[in-house]
PDB file of all heavy atoms in Angstrom:
ATOM      1  N   LEU A   1     102.873  95.096  89.266  1.00  0.00           N
ATOM      2  CA  LEU A   1     103.004  96.202  90.214  1.00  0.00           C
ATOM      3  C   LEU A   1     102.217  95.862  91.472  1.00  0.00           C
ATOM      4  O   LEU A   1     101.074  96.274  91.633  1.00  0.00           O
ATOM      5  CB  LEU A   1     102.472  97.517  89.606  1.00  0.00           C
ATOM      6  CG  LEU A   1     103.229  98.066  88.407  1.00  0.00           C
ATOM      7  CD1 LEU A   1     102.483  99.257  87.823  1.00  0.00           C
ATOM      8  CD2 LEU A   1     104.637  98.475  88.794  1.00  0.00           C
ATOM      9  N   PRO A   2     102.775  95.082  92.370  1.00  0.00           N
ATOM     10  CA  PRO A   2     102.057  94.731  93.598  1.00  0.00           C
ATOM     11  C   PRO A   2     101.852  95.951  94.474  1.00  0.00           C
ATOM     12  O   PRO A   2     102.526  96.974  94.330  1.00  0.00           O
ATOM     13  CB  PRO A   2     102.974  93.702  94.264  1.00  0.00           C
ATOM     14  CG  PRO A   2     104.333  94.021  93.736  1.00  0.00           C
ATOM     15  CD  PRO A   2     104.141  94.522  92.336  1.00  0.00           C
ATOM     16  N   ASP A   3     100.893  95.830  95.392  1.00  0.00           N
ATOM     17  CA  ASP A   3     100.570  96.944  96.293  1.00  0.00           C
ATOM     18  C   ASP A   3     101.650  97.063  97.362  1.00  0.00           C
ATOM     19  O   ASP A   3     101.621  96.375  98.385  1.00  0.00           O
ATOM     20  CB  ASP A   3      99.202  96.729  96.935  1.00  0.00           C
ATOM     21  CG  ASP A   3      98.077  96.896  95.941  1.00  0.00           C
ATOM     22  OD1 ASP A   3      98.280  97.642  94.969  1.00  0.00           O
ATOM     23  OD2 ASP A   3      97.018  96.273  96.122  1.00  0.00           O
ATOM     24  N   ILE A   4     102.618  97.910  97.096  1.00  0.00           N
ATOM     25  CA  ILE A   4     103.697  98.183  98.045  1.00  0.00           C
ATOM     26  C   ILE A   4     103.569  99.645  98.476  1.00  0.00           C
ATOM     27  O   ILE A   4     103.522 100.542  97.639  1.00  0.00           O
ATOM     28  CB  ILE A   4     105.081  97.932  97.430  1.00  0.00           C
ATOM     29  CG1 ILE A   4     105.215  96.471  96.993  1.00  0.00           C
ATOM     30  CG2 ILE A   4     106.179  98.287  98.407  1.00  0.00           C
ATOM     31  CD1 ILE A   4     106.521  96.168  96.302  1.00  0.00           C
ATOM     32  N   GLU A   5     103.482  99.866  99.738  1.00  0.00           N
ATOM     33  CA  GLU A   5     103.299 101.223 100.264  1.00  0.00           C
ATOM     34  C   GLU A   5     104.637 101.728 100.784  1.00  0.00           C
ATOM     35  O   GLU A   5     105.139 101.275 101.811  1.00  0.00           O
ATOM     36  CB  GLU A   5     102.253 101.210 101.373  1.00  0.00           C
ATOM     37  CG  GLU A   5     101.812 102.602 101.791  1.00  0.00           C
ATOM     38  CD  GLU A   5     100.680 102.548 102.785  1.00  0.00           C
ATOM     39  OE1 GLU A   5     100.873 101.938 103.852  1.00  0.00           O
ATOM     40  OE2 GLU A   5      99.604 103.097 102.507  1.00  0.00           O
ATOM     41  N   PHE A   6     105.223 102.665 100.052  1.00  0.00           N
ATOM     42  CA  PHE A   6     106.469 103.272 100.496  1.00  0.00           C
ATOM     43  C   PHE A   6     106.154 104.349 101.537  1.00  0.00           C
ATOM     44  O   PHE A   6     105.143 105.058 101.420  1.00  0.00           O
ATOM     45  CB  PHE A   6     107.206 103.898  99.312  1.00  0.00           C
ATOM     46  CG  PHE A   6     107.801 102.894  98.366  1.00  0.00           C
ATOM     47  CD1 PHE A   6     107.089 102.449  97.273  1.00  0.00           C
ATOM     48  CD2 PHE A   6     109.064 102.395  98.578  1.00  0.00           C
ATOM     49  CE1 PHE A   6     107.617 101.520  96.402  1.00  0.00           C
ATOM     50  CE2 PHE A   6     109.613 101.465  97.718  1.00  0.00           C
ATOM     51  CZ  PHE A   6     108.893 101.021  96.626  1.00  0.00           C
ATOM     52  N   PRO A   7     107.002 104.509 102.542  1.00  0.00           N
ATOM     53  CA  PRO A   7     106.733 105.498 103.599  1.00  0.00           C
ATOM     54  C   PRO A   7     107.048 106.924 103.128  1.00  0.00           C
ATOM     55  O   PRO A   7     107.904 107.601 103.696  1.00  0.00           O
ATOM     56  CB  PRO A   7     107.663 105.043 104.730  1.00  0.00           C
ATOM     57  CG  PRO A   7     108.810 104.403 104.032  1.00  0.00           C
ATOM     58  CD  PRO A   7     108.234 103.735 102.811  1.00  0.00           C
ATOM     59  N   THR A   8     106.375 107.350 102.084  1.00  0.00           N
ATOM     60  CA  THR A   8     106.650 108.658 101.493  1.00  0.00           C
ATOM     61  C   THR A   8     105.348 109.419 101.301  1.00  0.00           C
ATOM     62  O   THR A   8     104.352 108.862 100.805  1.00  0.00           O
ATOM     63  CB  THR A   8     107.362 108.503 100.135  1.00  0.00           C
ATOM     64  OG1 THR A   8     108.554 107.740 100.309  1.00  0.00           O
ATOM     65  CG2 THR A   8     107.719 109.865  99.561  1.00  0.00           C
ATOM     66  N   VAL A   9     105.359 110.681 101.681  1.00  0.00           N
ATOM     67  CA  VAL A   9     104.195 111.563 101.537  1.00  0.00           C
ATOM     68  C   VAL A   9     104.658 112.848 100.874  1.00  0.00           C
ATOM     69  O   VAL A   9     105.722 113.382 101.202  1.00  0.00           O
ATOM     70  CB  VAL A   9     103.552 111.873 102.907  1.00  0.00           C
ATOM     71  CG1 VAL A   9     102.399 112.860 102.742  1.00  0.00           C
ATOM     72  CG2 VAL A   9     103.059 110.587 103.564  1.00  0.00           C
ATOM     73  N   SER A  10     103.869 113.336  99.919  1.00  0.00           N
ATOM     74  CA  SER A  10     104.185 114.583  99.216  1.00  0.00           C
ATOM     75  C   SER A  10     103.195 115.670  99.622  1.00  0.00           C
ATOM     76  O   SER A  10     101.992 115.408  99.784  1.00  0.00           O
ATOM     77  CB  SER A  10     104.140 114.384  97.701  1.00  0.00           C
ATOM     78  OG  SER A  10     105.119 113.452  97.288  1.00  0.00           O
ATOM     79  N   VAL A  11     103.713 116.874  99.774  1.00  0.00           N
ATOM     80  CA  VAL A  11     102.890 118.050 100.090  1.00  0.00           C
ATOM     81  C   VAL A  11     103.020 119.016  98.918  1.00  0.00           C
ATOM     82  O   VAL A  11     104.104 119.543  98.653  1.00  0.00           O
ATOM     83  CB  VAL A  11     103.339 118.720 101.402  1.00  0.00           C
ATOM     84  CG1 VAL A  11     102.439 119.908 101.719  1.00  0.00           C
ATOM     85  CG2 VAL A  11     103.326 117.713 102.540  1.00  0.00           C
ATOM     86  N   ILE A  12     101.920 119.239  98.215  1.00  0.00           N
ATOM     87  CA  ILE A  12     101.918 120.043  96.991  1.00  0.00           C
ATOM     88  C   ILE A  12     101.105 121.310  97.230  1.00  0.00           C
ATOM     89  O   ILE A  12      99.942 121.253  97.650  1.00  0.00           O
ATOM     90  CB  ILE A  12     101.336 119.251  95.808  1.00  0.00           C
ATOM     91  CG1 ILE A  12     102.104 117.939  95.624  1.00  0.00           C
ATOM     92  CG2 ILE A  12     101.378 120.074  94.528  1.00  0.00           C
ATOM     93  CD1 ILE A  12     101.490 117.018  94.605  1.00  0.00           C
ATOM     94  N   THR A  13     101.720 122.455  96.949  1.00  0.00           N
ATOM     95  CA  THR A  13     101.056 123.751  97.103  1.00  0.00           C
ATOM     96  C   THR A  13     101.285 124.561  95.830  1.00  0.00           C
ATOM     97  O   THR A  13     102.424 124.669  95.367  1.00  0.00           O
ATOM     98  CB  THR A  13     101.610 124.525  98.307  1.00  0.00           C
ATOM     99  OG1 THR A  13     101.615 123.676  99.459  1.00  0.00           O
ATOM    100  CG2 THR A  13     100.759 125.751  98.593  1.00  0.00           C
ATOM    101  N   THR A  14     100.230 125.109  95.268  1.00  0.00           N
ATOM    102  CA  THR A  14     100.340 125.914  94.053  1.00  0.00           C
ATOM    103  C   THR A  14     100.092 127.385  94.373  1.00  0.00           C
ATOM    104  O   THR A  14      99.291 127.719  95.242  1.00  0.00           O
ATOM    105  CB  THR A  14      99.340 125.439  92.985  1.00  0.00           C
ATOM    106  OG1 THR A  14      97.999 125.538  93.512  1.00  0.00           O
ATOM    107  CG2 THR A  14      99.611 123.996  92.601  1.00  0.00           C
ATOM    108  N   TYR A  15     100.807 128.238  93.651  1.00  0.00           N
ATOM    109  CA  TYR A  15     100.678 129.689  93.808  1.00  0.00           C
ATOM    110  C   TYR A  15     100.885 130.275  92.416  1.00  0.00           C
ATOM    111  O   TYR A  15     101.996 130.606  92.023  1.00  0.00           O
ATOM    112  CB  TYR A  15     101.717 130.199  94.796  1.00  0.00           C
ATOM    113  CG  TYR A  15     101.574 131.659  95.185  1.00  0.00           C
ATOM    114  CD1 TYR A  15     100.450 132.403  94.823  1.00  0.00           C
ATOM    115  CD2 TYR A  15     102.570 132.300  95.913  1.00  0.00           C
ATOM    116  CE1 TYR A  15     100.326 133.725  95.182  1.00  0.00           C
ATOM    117  CE2 TYR A  15     102.458 133.631  96.283  1.00  0.00           C
ATOM    118  CZ  TYR A  15     101.339 134.339  95.918  1.00  0.00           C
ATOM    119  OH  TYR A  15     101.216 135.659  96.260  1.00  0.00           O
ATOM    120  N   THR A  16      99.803 130.375  91.664  1.00  0.00           N
ATOM    121  CA  THR A  16      99.864 130.758  90.261  1.00  0.00           C
ATOM    122  C   THR A  16     100.450 132.149  90.083  1.00  0.00           C
ATOM    123  O   THR A  16     100.039 133.106  90.751  1.00  0.00           O
ATOM    124  CB  THR A  16      98.458 130.713  89.626  1.00  0.00           C
ATOM    125  OG1 THR A  16      97.904 129.411  89.831  1.00  0.00           O
ATOM    126  CG2 THR A  16      98.531 130.990  88.134  1.00  0.00           C
ATOM    127  N   GLY A  17     101.439 132.246  89.172  1.00  0.00           N
ATOM    128  CA  GLY A  17     102.030 133.532  88.830  1.00  0.00           C
ATOM    129  C   GLY A  17     103.189 133.958  89.692  1.00  0.00           C
ATOM    130  O   GLY A  17     103.852 134.954  89.383  1.00  0.00           O
ATOM    131  N   ALA A  18     103.476 133.241  90.764  1.00  0.00           N
ATOM    132  CA  ALA A  18     104.558 133.633  91.664  1.00  0.00           C
ATOM    133  C   ALA A  18     105.878 133.037  91.188  1.00  0.00           C
ATOM    134  O   ALA A  18     105.920 131.971  90.588  1.00  0.00           O
ATOM    135  CB  ALA A  18     104.262 133.180  93.087  1.00  0.00           C
ATOM    136  N   SER A  19     106.961 133.732  91.468  1.00  0.00           N
ATOM    137  CA  SER A  19     108.283 133.243  91.091  1.00  0.00           C
ATOM    138  C   SER A  19     108.739 132.167  92.066  1.00  0.00           C
ATOM    139  O   SER A  19     108.214 132.039  93.179  1.00  0.00           O
ATOM    140  CB  SER A  19     109.296 134.393  91.084  1.00  0.00           C
ATOM    141  OG  SER A  19     109.467 134.909  92.396  1.00  0.00           O
ATOM    142  N   SER A  20     109.737 131.407  91.655  1.00  0.00           N
ATOM    143  CA  SER A  20     110.245 130.338  92.508  1.00  0.00           C
ATOM    144  C   SER A  20     110.872 130.881  93.789  1.00  0.00           C
ATOM    145  O   SER A  20     110.776 130.261  94.852  1.00  0.00           O
ATOM    146  CB  SER A  20     111.258 129.486  91.732  1.00  0.00           C
ATOM    147  OG  SER A  20     112.311 130.302  91.233  1.00  0.00           O
ATOM    148  N   GLU A  21     111.508 132.053  93.704  1.00  0.00           N
ATOM    149  CA  GLU A  21     112.117 132.645  94.900  1.00  0.00           C
ATOM    150  C   GLU A  21     111.056 133.021  95.932  1.00  0.00           C
ATOM    151  O   GLU A  21     111.216 132.774  97.139  1.00  0.00           O
ATOM    152  CB  GLU A  21     112.946 133.878  94.529  1.00  0.00           C
ATOM    153  CG  GLU A  21     114.204 133.579  93.727  1.00  0.00           C
ATOM    154  CD  GLU A  21     113.920 133.433  92.246  1.00  0.00           C
ATOM    155  OE1 GLU A  21     112.728 133.554  91.848  1.00  0.00           O
ATOM    156  OE2 GLU A  21     114.874 133.189  91.481  1.00  0.00           O
ATOM    157  N   ASP A  22     109.954 133.626  95.470  1.00  0.00           N
ATOM    158  CA  ASP A  22     108.885 134.012  96.398  1.00  0.00           C
ATOM    159  C   ASP A  22     108.233 132.785  97.024  1.00  0.00           C
ATOM    160  O   ASP A  22     107.916 132.780  98.223  1.00  0.00           O
ATOM    161  CB  ASP A  22     107.834 134.851  95.661  1.00  0.00           C
ATOM    162  CG  ASP A  22     108.375 136.194  95.214  1.00  0.00           C
ATOM    163  OD1 ASP A  22     109.369 136.645  95.804  1.00  0.00           O
ATOM    164  OD2 ASP A  22     107.813 136.774  94.264  1.00  0.00           O
ATOM    165  N   ILE A  23     108.009 131.744  96.213  1.00  0.00           N
ATOM    166  CA  ILE A  23     107.378 130.538  96.747  1.00  0.00           C
ATOM    167  C   ILE A  23     108.286 129.861  97.765  1.00  0.00           C
ATOM    168  O   ILE A  23     107.825 129.360  98.797  1.00  0.00           O
ATOM    169  CB  ILE A  23     107.031 129.578  95.589  1.00  0.00           C
ATOM    170  CG1 ILE A  23     105.949 130.209  94.699  1.00  0.00           C
ATOM    171  CG2 ILE A  23     106.561 128.231  96.121  1.00  0.00           C
ATOM    172  CD1 ILE A  23     105.563 129.358  93.524  1.00  0.00           C
ATOM    173  N   GLU A  24     109.583 129.873  97.503  1.00  0.00           N
ATOM    174  CA  GLU A  24     110.509 129.231  98.440  1.00  0.00           C
ATOM    175  C   GLU A  24     110.509 129.938  99.790  1.00  0.00           C
ATOM    176  O   GLU A  24     110.530 129.288 100.847  1.00  0.00           O
ATOM    177  CB  GLU A  24     111.922 129.226  97.852  1.00  0.00           C
ATOM    178  CG  GLU A  24     112.937 128.533  98.753  1.00  0.00           C
ATOM    179  CD  GLU A  24     114.320 128.525  98.146  1.00  0.00           C
ATOM    180  OE1 GLU A  24     114.518 129.190  97.104  1.00  0.00           O
ATOM    181  OE2 GLU A  24     115.210 127.875  98.716  1.00  0.00           O
ATOM    182  N   SER A  25     110.463 131.260  99.772  1.00  0.00           N
ATOM    183  CA  SER A  25     110.546 132.008 101.028  1.00  0.00           C
ATOM    184  C   SER A  25     109.222 132.035 101.784  1.00  0.00           C
ATOM    185  O   SER A  25     109.217 132.067 103.023  1.00  0.00           O
ATOM    186  CB  SER A  25     111.011 133.440 100.745  1.00  0.00           C
ATOM    187  OG  SER A  25     110.088 134.099  99.884  1.00  0.00           O
ATOM    188  N   THR A  26     108.096 132.024 101.079  1.00  0.00           N
ATOM    189  CA  THR A  26     106.791 132.165 101.745  1.00  0.00           C
ATOM    190  C   THR A  26     106.069 130.845 101.959  1.00  0.00           C
ATOM    191  O   THR A  26     105.174 130.773 102.813  1.00  0.00           O
ATOM    192  CB  THR A  26     105.872 133.095 100.928  1.00  0.00           C
ATOM    193  OG1 THR A  26     105.676 132.539  99.614  1.00  0.00           O
ATOM    194  CG2 THR A  26     106.473 134.482 100.806  1.00  0.00           C
ATOM    195  N   ILE A  27     106.428 129.800 101.223  1.00  0.00           N
ATOM    196  CA  ILE A  27     105.694 128.532 101.318  1.00  0.00           C
ATOM    197  C   ILE A  27     106.622 127.371 101.672  1.00  0.00           C
ATOM    198  O   ILE A  27     106.423 126.688 102.679  1.00  0.00           O
ATOM    199  CB  ILE A  27     104.941 128.238 100.003  1.00  0.00           C
ATOM    200  CG1 ILE A  27     103.887 129.311  99.730  1.00  0.00           C
ATOM    201  CG2 ILE A  27     104.294 126.854 100.069  1.00  0.00           C
ATOM    202  CD1 ILE A  27     103.138 129.121  98.424  1.00  0.00           C
ATOM    203  N   THR A  28     107.646 127.142 100.844  1.00  0.00           N
ATOM    204  CA  THR A  28     108.452 125.919 101.001  1.00  0.00           C
ATOM    205  C   THR A  28     109.185 125.874 102.329  1.00  0.00           C
ATOM    206  O   THR A  28     109.068 124.903 103.088  1.00  0.00           O
ATOM    207  CB  THR A  28     109.450 125.803  99.836  1.00  0.00           C
ATOM    208  OG1 THR A  28     108.739 125.838  98.588  1.00  0.00           O
ATOM    209  CG2 THR A  28     110.218 124.502  99.933  1.00  0.00           C
ATOM    210  N   ARG A  29     109.964 126.915 102.640  1.00  0.00           N
ATOM    211  CA  ARG A  29     110.762 126.896 103.869  1.00  0.00           C
ATOM    212  C   ARG A  29     109.900 126.837 105.128  1.00  0.00           C
ATOM    213  O   ARG A  29     110.181 126.035 106.039  1.00  0.00           O
ATOM    214  CB  ARG A  29     111.690 128.102 103.900  1.00  0.00           C
ATOM    215  CG  ARG A  29     112.858 127.985 102.921  1.00  0.00           C
ATOM    216  CD  ARG A  29     113.788 129.172 103.028  1.00  0.00           C
ATOM    217  NE  ARG A  29     114.935 129.052 102.114  1.00  0.00           N
ATOM    218  CZ  ARG A  29     115.855 129.980 101.948  1.00  0.00           C
ATOM    219  NH1 ARG A  29     115.791 131.114 102.649  1.00  0.00           N
ATOM    220  NH2 ARG A  29     116.852 129.794 101.096  1.00  0.00           N
ATOM    221  N   PRO A  30     108.847 127.663 105.260  1.00  0.00           N
ATOM    222  CA  PRO A  30     108.002 127.539 106.469  1.00  0.00           C
ATOM    223  C   PRO A  30     107.364 126.162 106.616  1.00  0.00           C
ATOM    224  O   PRO A  30     107.308 125.624 107.726  1.00  0.00           O
ATOM    225  CB  PRO A  30     106.952 128.629 106.259  1.00  0.00           C
ATOM    226  CG  PRO A  30     107.600 129.627 105.353  1.00  0.00           C
ATOM    227  CD  PRO A  30     108.459 128.825 104.443  1.00  0.00           C
ATOM    228  N   LEU A  31     106.900 125.565 105.514  1.00  0.00           N
ATOM    229  CA  LEU A  31     106.299 124.244 105.605  1.00  0.00           C
ATOM    230  C   LEU A  31     107.336 123.183 105.973  1.00  0.00           C
ATOM    231  O   LEU A  31     107.034 122.239 106.711  1.00  0.00           O
ATOM    232  CB  LEU A  31     105.608 123.883 104.285  1.00  0.00           C
ATOM    233  CG  LEU A  31     104.326 124.647 103.948  1.00  0.00           C
ATOM    234  CD1 LEU A  31     103.752 124.170 102.627  1.00  0.00           C
ATOM    235  CD2 LEU A  31     103.293 124.502 105.061  1.00  0.00           C
ATOM    236  N   GLU A  32     108.546 123.329 105.457  1.00  0.00           N
ATOM    237  CA  GLU A  32     109.609 122.379 105.813  1.00  0.00           C
ATOM    238  C   GLU A  32     109.878 122.420 107.322  1.00  0.00           C
ATOM    239  O   GLU A  32     110.057 121.371 107.963  1.00  0.00           O
ATOM    240  CB  GLU A  32     110.887 122.711 105.048  1.00  0.00           C
ATOM    241  CG  GLU A  32     110.907 122.224 103.617  1.00  0.00           C
ATOM    242  CD  GLU A  32     112.218 122.539 102.941  1.00  0.00           C
ATOM    243  OE1 GLU A  32     112.926 123.449 103.428  1.00  0.00           O
ATOM    244  OE2 GLU A  32     112.536 121.898 101.932  1.00  0.00           O
ATOM    245  N   GLN A  33     109.933 123.602 107.887  1.00  0.00           N
ATOM    246  CA  GLN A  33     110.199 123.731 109.317  1.00  0.00           C
ATOM    247  C   GLN A  33     109.088 123.082 110.149  1.00  0.00           C
ATOM    248  O   GLN A  33     109.358 122.454 111.179  1.00  0.00           O
ATOM    249  CB  GLN A  33     110.343 125.203 109.685  1.00  0.00           C
ATOM    250  CG  GLN A  33     111.567 125.873 109.046  1.00  0.00           C
ATOM    251  CD  GLN A  33     111.603 127.365 109.300  1.00  0.00           C
ATOM    252  OE1 GLN A  33     110.692 127.921 109.909  1.00  0.00           O
ATOM    253  NE2 GLN A  33     112.650 128.025 108.829  1.00  0.00           N
ATOM    254  N   ILE A  34     107.844 123.222 109.685  1.00  0.00           N
ATOM    255  CA  ILE A  34     106.726 122.612 110.414  1.00  0.00           C
ATOM    256  C   ILE A  34     106.756 121.100 110.286  1.00  0.00           C
ATOM    257  O   ILE A  34     106.553 120.360 111.253  1.00  0.00           O
ATOM    258  CB  ILE A  34     105.392 123.182 109.884  1.00  0.00           C
ATOM    259  CG1 ILE A  34     105.277 124.667 110.249  1.00  0.00           C
ATOM    260  CG2 ILE A  34     104.208 122.411 110.443  1.00  0.00           C
ATOM    261  CD1 ILE A  34     104.042 125.326 109.701  1.00  0.00           C
ATOM    262  N   ILE A  35     107.032 120.602 109.071  1.00  0.00           N
ATOM    263  CA  ILE A  35     107.031 119.157 108.828  1.00  0.00           C
ATOM    264  C   ILE A  35     108.149 118.468 109.597  1.00  0.00           C
ATOM    265  O   ILE A  35     107.997 117.335 110.062  1.00  0.00           O
ATOM    266  CB  ILE A  35     107.138 118.886 107.317  1.00  0.00           C
ATOM    267  CG1 ILE A  35     105.854 119.346 106.609  1.00  0.00           C
ATOM    268  CG2 ILE A  35     107.404 117.415 107.023  1.00  0.00           C
ATOM    269  CD1 ILE A  35     105.928 119.297 105.100  1.00  0.00           C
ATOM    270  N   ASN A  36     109.280 119.133 109.763  1.00  0.00           N
ATOM    271  CA  ASN A  36     110.406 118.537 110.481  1.00  0.00           C
ATOM    272  C   ASN A  36     110.105 118.271 111.950  1.00  0.00           C
ATOM    273  O   ASN A  36     110.822 117.501 112.604  1.00  0.00           O
ATOM    274  CB  ASN A  36     111.645 119.435 110.364  1.00  0.00           C
ATOM    275  CG  ASN A  36     112.399 119.208 109.060  1.00  0.00           C
ATOM    276  OD1 ASN A  36     112.524 118.073 108.604  1.00  0.00           O
ATOM    277  ND2 ASN A  36     112.886 120.269 108.458  1.00  0.00           N
ATOM    278  N   THR A  37     109.075 118.880 112.483  1.00  0.00           N
ATOM    279  CA  THR A  37     108.717 118.662 113.885  1.00  0.00           C
ATOM    280  C   THR A  37     107.885 117.391 114.078  1.00  0.00           C
ATOM    281  O   THR A  37     107.655 116.983 115.221  1.00  0.00           O
ATOM    282  CB  THR A  37     107.928 119.863 114.426  1.00  0.00           C
ATOM    283  OG1 THR A  37     106.704 120.010 113.675  1.00  0.00           O
ATOM    284  CG2 THR A  37     108.742 121.140 114.310  1.00  0.00           C
ATOM    285  N   ILE A  38     107.434 116.767 113.006  1.00  0.00           N
ATOM    286  CA  ILE A  38     106.610 115.563 113.100  1.00  0.00           C
ATOM    287  C   ILE A  38     107.503 114.360 113.426  1.00  0.00           C
ATOM    288  O   ILE A  38     108.620 114.242 112.924  1.00  0.00           O
ATOM    289  CB  ILE A  38     105.839 115.334 111.786  1.00  0.00           C
ATOM    290  CG1 ILE A  38     104.919 116.532 111.510  1.00  0.00           C
ATOM    291  CG2 ILE A  38     105.027 114.049 111.829  1.00  0.00           C
ATOM    292  CD1 ILE A  38     104.205 116.462 110.181  1.00  0.00           C
TER     293      ILE A  38
END
């Protein structure tokens, strides 16, 4: 396993107890819009 750096970055956010629908509307979509501007 040589040291190969893939141009990939992950953004992980946890929100314990919240449903997937709530997380998508309050966290995932807003962060996607911000990241797309980079």
